[in-house]
Amino acid sequence: MLTGTEGCPPAAAGWEARLRTGVLAEPLGARWPAHVLLRPDGYVAWAGVEPGLGLTRALRRWCGEPRTVAG
């Protein structure tokens, strides 16, 4: 599960089919991460203010390679 303030961020493109996303009803505050990736066992796999390379690395580790759309 990936939580955040706006659903699935662009850094998670390709993993949408393997992720459940949740939008926080209220921000947790400046000292808390805006986005959290939870493993199936409930542990935090990644947390950060801005999704980017760290989120992509965590998704690769826990969800495998992203799916690409053949064009």
PDB file of N, CA and C in Angstrom:
ATOM      1  N   MET A   1       0.842  -1.167   0.000  1.00  0.00           N
ATOM      2  CA  MET A   1       0.000   0.000   0.000  1.00  0.00           C
ATOM      3  C   MET A   1       0.887   1.229   0.000  1.00  0.00           C
ATOM      4  N   LEU A   2       0.510   2.211  -0.805  1.00  0.00           N
ATOM      5  CA  LEU A   2       1.217   3.477  -0.871  1.00  0.00           C
ATOM      6  C   LEU A   2       0.256   4.569  -0.436  1.00  0.00           C
ATOM      7  N   THR A   3       0.609   5.250   0.637  1.00  0.00           N
ATOM      8  CA  THR A   3      -0.235   6.347   1.103  1.00  0.00           C
ATOM      9  C   THR A   3       0.391   7.662   0.710  1.00  0.00           C
ATOM     10  N   GLY A   4      -0.420   8.669   0.622  1.00  0.00           N
ATOM     11  CA  GLY A   4       0.082   9.990   0.268  1.00  0.00           C
ATOM     12  C   GLY A   4      -1.053  10.990   0.236  1.00  0.00           C
ATOM     13  N   THR A   5      -0.792  12.107  -0.386  1.00  0.00           N
ATOM     14  CA  THR A   5      -1.786  13.164  -0.427  1.00  0.00           C
ATOM     15  C   THR A   5      -2.480  13.266  -1.778  1.00  0.00           C
ATOM     16  N   GLU A   6      -1.998  12.526  -2.802  1.00  0.00           N
ATOM     17  CA  GLU A   6      -2.605  12.665  -4.121  1.00  0.00           C
ATOM     18  C   GLU A   6      -2.717  11.371  -4.906  1.00  0.00           C
ATOM     19  N   GLY A   7      -2.875  10.249  -4.275  1.00  0.00           N
ATOM     20  CA  GLY A   7      -2.992   8.997  -5.010  1.00  0.00           C
ATOM     21  C   GLY A   7      -1.645   8.510  -5.514  1.00  0.00           C
ATOM     22  N   CYS A   8      -1.634   7.864  -6.675  1.00  0.00           N
ATOM     23  CA  CYS A   8      -0.429   7.238  -7.209  1.00  0.00           C
ATOM     24  C   CYS A   8       0.472   8.278  -7.887  1.00  0.00           C
ATOM     25  N   PRO A   9       1.667   8.526  -7.344  1.00  0.00           N
ATOM     26  CA  PRO A   9       2.563   9.525  -7.931  1.00  0.00           C
ATOM     27  C   PRO A   9       3.223   9.012  -9.212  1.00  0.00           C
ATOM     28  N   PRO A  10       3.722   9.907 -10.061  1.00  0.00           N
ATOM     29  CA  PRO A  10       4.393   9.496 -11.297  1.00  0.00           C
ATOM     30  C   PRO A  10       5.559   8.531 -11.073  1.00  0.00           C
ATOM     31  N   ALA A  11       6.247   8.624  -9.942  1.00  0.00           N
ATOM     32  CA  ALA A  11       7.373   7.721  -9.658  1.00  0.00           C
ATOM     33  C   ALA A  11       6.919   6.273  -9.538  1.00  0.00           C
ATOM     34  N   ALA A  12       5.619   6.042  -9.350  1.00  0.00           N
ATOM     35  CA  ALA A  12       5.083   4.684  -9.219  1.00  0.00           C
ATOM     36  C   ALA A  12       4.468   4.180 -10.521  1.00  0.00           C
ATOM     37  N   ALA A  13       4.674   4.910 -11.611  1.00  0.00           N
ATOM     38  CA  ALA A  13       4.134   4.488 -12.906  1.00  0.00           C
ATOM     39  C   ALA A  13       4.676   3.115 -13.268  1.00  0.00           C
ATOM     40  N   GLY A  14       3.815   2.238 -13.695  1.00  0.00           N
ATOM     41  CA  GLY A  14       4.198   0.872 -14.043  1.00  0.00           C
ATOM     42  C   GLY A  14       3.889  -0.122 -12.947  1.00  0.00           C
ATOM     43  N   TRP A  15       3.643   0.358 -11.753  1.00  0.00           N
ATOM     44  CA  TRP A  15       3.316  -0.515 -10.626  1.00  0.00           C
ATOM     45  C   TRP A  15       1.858  -0.370 -10.183  1.00  0.00           C
ATOM     46  N   GLU A  16       1.077   0.458 -10.861  1.00  0.00           N
ATOM     47  CA  GLU A  16      -0.289   0.750 -10.414  1.00  0.00           C
ATOM     48  C   GLU A  16      -1.125  -0.510 -10.194  1.00  0.00           C
ATOM     49  N   ALA A  17      -0.960  -1.505 -11.062  1.00  0.00           N
ATOM     50  CA  ALA A  17      -1.750  -2.729 -10.954  1.00  0.00           C
ATOM     51  C   ALA A  17      -1.381  -3.553  -9.719  1.00  0.00           C
ATOM     52  N   ARG A  18      -0.194  -3.331  -9.167  1.00  0.00           N
ATOM     53  CA  ARG A  18       0.256  -4.099  -8.002  1.00  0.00           C
ATOM     54  C   ARG A  18       0.199  -3.303  -6.710  1.00  0.00           C
ATOM     55  N   LEU A  19      -0.272  -2.067  -6.790  1.00  0.00           N
ATOM     56  CA  LEU A  19      -0.327  -1.209  -5.602  1.00  0.00           C
ATOM     57  C   LEU A  19      -1.760  -0.888  -5.223  1.00  0.00           C
ATOM     58  N   ARG A  20      -1.980  -0.784  -3.953  1.00  0.00           N
ATOM     59  CA  ARG A  20      -3.197  -0.161  -3.443  1.00  0.00           C
ATOM     60  C   ARG A  20      -2.758   1.195  -2.945  1.00  0.00           C
ATOM     61  N   THR A  21      -3.486   2.219  -3.315  1.00  0.00           N
ATOM     62  CA  THR A  21      -3.122   3.555  -2.869  1.00  0.00           C
ATOM     63  C   THR A  21      -4.206   4.097  -1.960  1.00  0.00           C
ATOM     64  N   GLY A  22      -3.791   4.916  -1.048  1.00  0.00           N
ATOM     65  CA  GLY A  22      -4.711   5.574  -0.132  1.00  0.00           C
ATOM     66  C   GLY A  22      -4.298   7.021   0.040  1.00  0.00           C
ATOM     67  N   VAL A  23      -5.267   7.882   0.088  1.00  0.00           N
ATOM     68  CA  VAL A  23      -5.008   9.307   0.276  1.00  0.00           C
ATOM     69  C   VAL A  23      -5.295   9.648   1.730  1.00  0.00           C
ATOM     70  N   LEU A  24      -4.352  10.328   2.357  1.00  0.00           N
ATOM     71  CA  LEU A  24      -4.527  10.728   3.745  1.00  0.00           C
ATOM     72  C   LEU A  24      -5.644  11.764   3.848  1.00  0.00           C
ATOM     73  N   ALA A  25      -6.530  11.584   4.791  1.00  0.00           N
ATOM     74  CA  ALA A  25      -7.623  12.535   4.987  1.00  0.00           C
ATOM     75  C   ALA A  25      -7.083  13.888   5.424  1.00  0.00           C
ATOM     76  N   GLU A  26      -6.043  13.855   6.237  1.00  0.00           N
ATOM     77  CA  GLU A  26      -5.395  15.082   6.703  1.00  0.00           C
ATOM     78  C   GLU A  26      -3.892  14.853   6.711  1.00  0.00           C
ATOM     79  N   PRO A  27      -3.113  15.834   6.291  1.00  0.00           N
ATOM     80  CA  PRO A  27      -1.654  15.695   6.377  1.00  0.00           C
ATOM     81  C   PRO A  27      -1.233  15.469   7.833  1.00  0.00           C
ATOM     82  N   LEU A  28      -0.192  14.687   8.008  1.00  0.00           N
ATOM     83  CA  LEU A  28       0.272  14.373   9.359  1.00  0.00           C
ATOM     84  C   LEU A  28       1.100  15.484   9.979  1.00  0.00           C
ATOM     85  N   GLY A  29       1.524  16.438   9.193  1.00  0.00           N
ATOM     86  CA  GLY A  29       2.338  17.533   9.708  1.00  0.00           C
ATOM     87  C   GLY A  29       3.699  17.565   9.057  1.00  0.00           C
ATOM     88  N   ALA A  30       4.398  18.646   9.257  1.00  0.00           N
ATOM     89  CA  ALA A  30       5.686  18.867   8.591  1.00  0.00           C
ATOM     90  C   ALA A  30       6.756  17.858   8.990  1.00  0.00           C
ATOM     91  N   ARG A  31       6.678  17.295  10.182  1.00  0.00           N
ATOM     92  CA  ARG A  31       7.714  16.364  10.652  1.00  0.00           C
ATOM     93  C   ARG A  31       7.487  14.941  10.169  1.00  0.00           C
ATOM     94  N   TRP A  32       6.360  14.656   9.534  1.00  0.00           N
ATOM     95  CA  TRP A  32       6.033  13.312   9.077  1.00  0.00           C
ATOM     96  C   TRP A  32       6.199  13.225   7.563  1.00  0.00           C
ATOM     97  N   PRO A  33       6.554  12.050   7.039  1.00  0.00           N
ATOM     98  CA  PRO A  33       6.660  11.910   5.582  1.00  0.00           C
ATOM     99  C   PRO A  33       5.286  12.031   4.919  1.00  0.00           C
ATOM    100  N   ALA A  34       5.275  12.599   3.725  1.00  0.00           N
ATOM    101  CA  ALA A  34       4.019  12.765   2.992  1.00  0.00           C
ATOM    102  C   ALA A  34       3.573  11.460   2.332  1.00  0.00           C
ATOM    103  N   HIS A  35       4.518  10.566   2.045  1.00  0.00           N
ATOM    104  CA  HIS A  35       4.225   9.309   1.356  1.00  0.00           C
ATOM    105  C   HIS A  35       4.862   8.153   2.117  1.00  0.00           C
ATOM    106  N   VAL A  36       4.133   7.044   2.208  1.00  0.00           N
ATOM    107  CA  VAL A  36       4.640   5.854   2.899  1.00  0.00           C
ATOM    108  C   VAL A  36       4.268   4.627   2.075  1.00  0.00           C
ATOM    109  N   LEU A  37       5.246   3.760   1.812  1.00  0.00           N
ATOM    110  CA  LEU A  37       5.014   2.486   1.143  1.00  0.00           C
ATOM    111  C   LEU A  37       5.059   1.405   2.212  1.00  0.00           C
ATOM    112  N   LEU A  38       3.943   0.711   2.385  1.00  0.00           N
ATOM    113  CA  LEU A  38       3.847  -0.344   3.391  1.00  0.00           C
ATOM    114  C   LEU A  38       3.976  -1.706   2.726  1.00  0.00           C
ATOM    115  N   ARG A  39       4.784  -2.562   3.339  1.00  0.00           N
ATOM    116  CA  ARG A  39       4.900  -3.936   2.870  1.00  0.00           C
ATOM    117  C   ARG A  39       3.635  -4.693   3.251  1.00  0.00           C
ATOM    118  N   PRO A  40       3.389  -5.866   2.643  1.00  0.00           N
ATOM    119  CA  PRO A  40       2.202  -6.653   3.000  1.00  0.00           C
ATOM    120  C   PRO A  40       2.141  -7.044   4.477  1.00  0.00           C
ATOM    121  N   ASP A  41       3.308  -7.138   5.133  1.00  0.00           N
ATOM    122  CA  ASP A  41       3.305  -7.501   6.551  1.00  0.00           C
ATOM    123  C   ASP A  41       3.146  -6.297   7.476  1.00  0.00           C
ATOM    124  N   GLY A  42       2.944  -5.101   6.890  1.00  0.00           N
ATOM    125  CA  GLY A  42       2.695  -3.906   7.693  1.00  0.00           C
ATOM    126  C   GLY A  42       3.912  -3.057   8.002  1.00  0.00           C
ATOM    127  N   TYR A  43       5.100  -3.547   7.700  1.00  0.00           N
ATOM    128  CA  TYR A  43       6.309  -2.759   7.935  1.00  0.00           C
ATOM    129  C   TYR A  43       6.461  -1.687   6.863  1.00  0.00           C
ATOM    130  N   VAL A  44       7.129  -0.615   7.193  1.00  0.00           N
ATOM    131  CA  VAL A  44       7.378   0.461   6.239  1.00  0.00           C
ATOM    132  C   VAL A  44       8.550   0.069   5.347  1.00  0.00           C
ATOM    133  N   ALA A  45       8.312   0.028   4.028  1.00  0.00           N
ATOM    134  CA  ALA A  45       9.367  -0.275   3.063  1.00  0.00           C
ATOM    135  C   ALA A  45      10.078   0.994   2.614  1.00  0.00           C
ATOM    136  N   TRP A  46       9.360   2.111   2.611  1.00  0.00           N
ATOM    137  CA  TRP A  46       9.927   3.394   2.203  1.00  0.00           C
ATOM    138  C   TRP A  46       9.011   4.503   2.716  1.00  0.00           C
ATOM    139  N   ALA A  47       9.603   5.623   3.066  1.00  0.00           N
ATOM    140  CA  ALA A  47       8.837   6.810   3.456  1.00  0.00           C
ATOM    141  C   ALA A  47       9.612   8.034   3.004  1.00  0.00           C
ATOM    142  N   GLY A  48       8.908   9.031   2.532  1.00  0.00           N
ATOM    143  CA  GLY A  48       9.576  10.241   2.083  1.00  0.00           C
ATOM    144  C   GLY A  48       8.617  11.383   1.845  1.00  0.00           C
ATOM    145  N   VAL A  49       9.181  12.557   1.731  1.00  0.00           N
ATOM    146  CA  VAL A  49       8.387  13.758   1.479  1.00  0.00           C
ATOM    147  C   VAL A  49       8.040  13.850   0.001  1.00  0.00           C
ATOM    148  N   GLU A  50       8.987  13.507  -0.861  1.00  0.00           N
ATOM    149  CA  GLU A  50       8.809  13.624  -2.309  1.00  0.00           C
ATOM    150  C   GLU A  50       9.098  12.276  -2.957  1.00  0.00           C
ATOM    151  N   PRO A  51       8.100  11.655  -3.613  1.00  0.00           N
ATOM    152  CA  PRO A  51       8.374  10.379  -4.270  1.00  0.00           C
ATOM    153  C   PRO A  51       9.357  10.584  -5.420  1.00  0.00           C
ATOM    154  N   GLY A  52      10.289   9.687  -5.540  1.00  0.00           N
ATOM    155  CA  GLY A  52      11.296   9.790  -6.594  1.00  0.00           C
ATOM    156  C   GLY A  52      12.108   8.520  -6.634  1.00  0.00           C
ATOM    157  N   LEU A  53      13.423   8.673  -6.709  1.00  0.00           N
ATOM    158  CA  LEU A  53      14.320   7.534  -6.858  1.00  0.00           C
ATOM    159  C   LEU A  53      14.201   6.543  -5.698  1.00  0.00           C
ATOM    160  N   GLY A  54      14.079   7.035  -4.480  1.00  0.00           N
ATOM    161  CA  GLY A  54      13.959   6.130  -3.338  1.00  0.00           C
ATOM    162  C   GLY A  54      12.714   5.269  -3.419  1.00  0.00           C
ATOM    163  N   LEU A  55      11.600   5.862  -3.825  1.00  0.00           N
ATOM    164  CA  LEU A  55      10.360   5.100  -3.985  1.00  0.00           C
ATOM    165  C   LEU A  55      10.509   4.089  -5.111  1.00  0.00           C
ATOM    166  N   THR A  56      11.107   4.494  -6.212  1.00  0.00           N
ATOM    167  CA  THR A  56      11.306   3.582  -7.341  1.00  0.00           C
ATOM    168  C   THR A  56      12.148   2.380  -6.925  1.00  0.00           C
ATOM    169  N   ARG A  57      13.205   2.605  -6.188  1.00  0.00           N
ATOM    170  CA  ARG A  57      14.046   1.495  -5.699  1.00  0.00           C
ATOM    171  C   ARG A  57      13.258   0.558  -4.796  1.00  0.00           C
ATOM    172  N   ALA A  58      12.471   1.108  -3.880  1.00  0.00           N
ATOM    173  CA  ALA A  58      11.671   0.279  -2.966  1.00  0.00           C
ATOM    174  C   ALA A  58      10.623  -0.517  -3.734  1.00  0.00           C
ATOM    175  N   LEU A  59       9.978   0.095  -4.712  1.00  0.00           N
ATOM    176  CA  LEU A  59       8.984  -0.624  -5.510  1.00  0.00           C
ATOM    177  C   LEU A  59       9.619  -1.755  -6.290  1.00  0.00           C
ATOM    178  N   ARG A  60      10.810  -1.521  -6.845  1.00  0.00           N
ATOM    179  CA  ARG A  60      11.513  -2.608  -7.563  1.00  0.00           C
ATOM    180  C   ARG A  60      11.818  -3.762  -6.623  1.00  0.00           C
ATOM    181  N   ARG A  61      12.250  -3.429  -5.416  1.00  0.00           N
ATOM    182  CA  ARG A  61      12.603  -4.486  -4.463  1.00  0.00           C
ATOM    183  C   ARG A  61      11.384  -5.289  -4.035  1.00  0.00           C
ATOM    184  N   TRP A  62      10.290  -4.622  -3.720  1.00  0.00           N
ATOM    185  CA  TRP A  62       9.127  -5.296  -3.144  1.00  0.00           C
ATOM    186  C   TRP A  62       8.068  -5.713  -4.162  1.00  0.00           C
ATOM    187  N   CYS A  63       8.069  -5.103  -5.344  1.00  0.00           N
ATOM    188  CA  CYS A  63       7.019  -5.394  -6.330  1.00  0.00           C
ATOM    189  C   CYS A  63       7.562  -5.876  -7.668  1.00  0.00           C
ATOM    190  N   GLY A  64       8.874  -5.987  -7.807  1.00  0.00           N
ATOM    191  CA  GLY A  64       9.455  -6.423  -9.072  1.00  0.00           C
ATOM    192  C   GLY A  64       9.582  -5.275 -10.058  1.00  0.00           C
ATOM    193  N   GLU A  65       9.865  -5.611 -11.295  1.00  0.00           N
ATOM    194  CA  GLU A  65      10.045  -4.598 -12.334  1.00  0.00           C
ATOM    195  C   GLU A  65       8.694  -4.004 -12.730  1.00  0.00           C
ATOM    196  N   PRO A  66       8.687  -2.725 -13.131  1.00  0.00           N
ATOM    197  CA  PRO A  66       7.421  -2.108 -13.538  1.00  0.00           C
ATOM    198  C   PRO A  66       6.950  -2.675 -14.874  1.00  0.00           C
ATOM    199  N   ARG A  67       5.657  -2.622 -15.082  1.00  0.00           N
ATOM    200  CA  ARG A  67       5.103  -3.025 -16.366  1.00  0.00           C
ATOM    201  C   ARG A  67       5.190  -1.858 -17.316  1.00  0.00           C
ATOM    202  N   THR A  68       5.505  -2.169 -18.547  1.00  0.00           N
ATOM    203  CA  THR A  68       5.566  -1.122 -19.558  1.00  0.00           C
ATOM    204  C   THR A  68       4.477  -1.366 -20.576  1.00  0.00           C
ATOM    205  N   VAL A  69       3.998  -0.305 -21.159  1.00  0.00           N
ATOM    206  CA  VAL A  69       2.959  -0.414 -22.187  1.00  0.00           C
ATOM    207  C   VAL A  69       3.644  -0.441 -23.541  1.00  0.00           C
ATOM    208  N   ALA A  70       3.368  -1.476 -24.321  1.00  0.00           N
ATOM    209  CA  ALA A  70       3.969  -1.587 -25.652  1.00  0.00           C
ATOM    210  C   ALA A  70       3.317  -0.536 -26.550  1.00  0.00           C
ATOM    211  N   GLY A  71       4.137   0.207 -27.266  1.00  0.00           N
ATOM    212  CA  GLY A  71       3.592   1.271 -28.092  1.00  0.00           C
ATOM    213  C   GLY A  71       3.901   1.059 -29.470  1.00  0.00           C
TER     214      GLY A  71
END
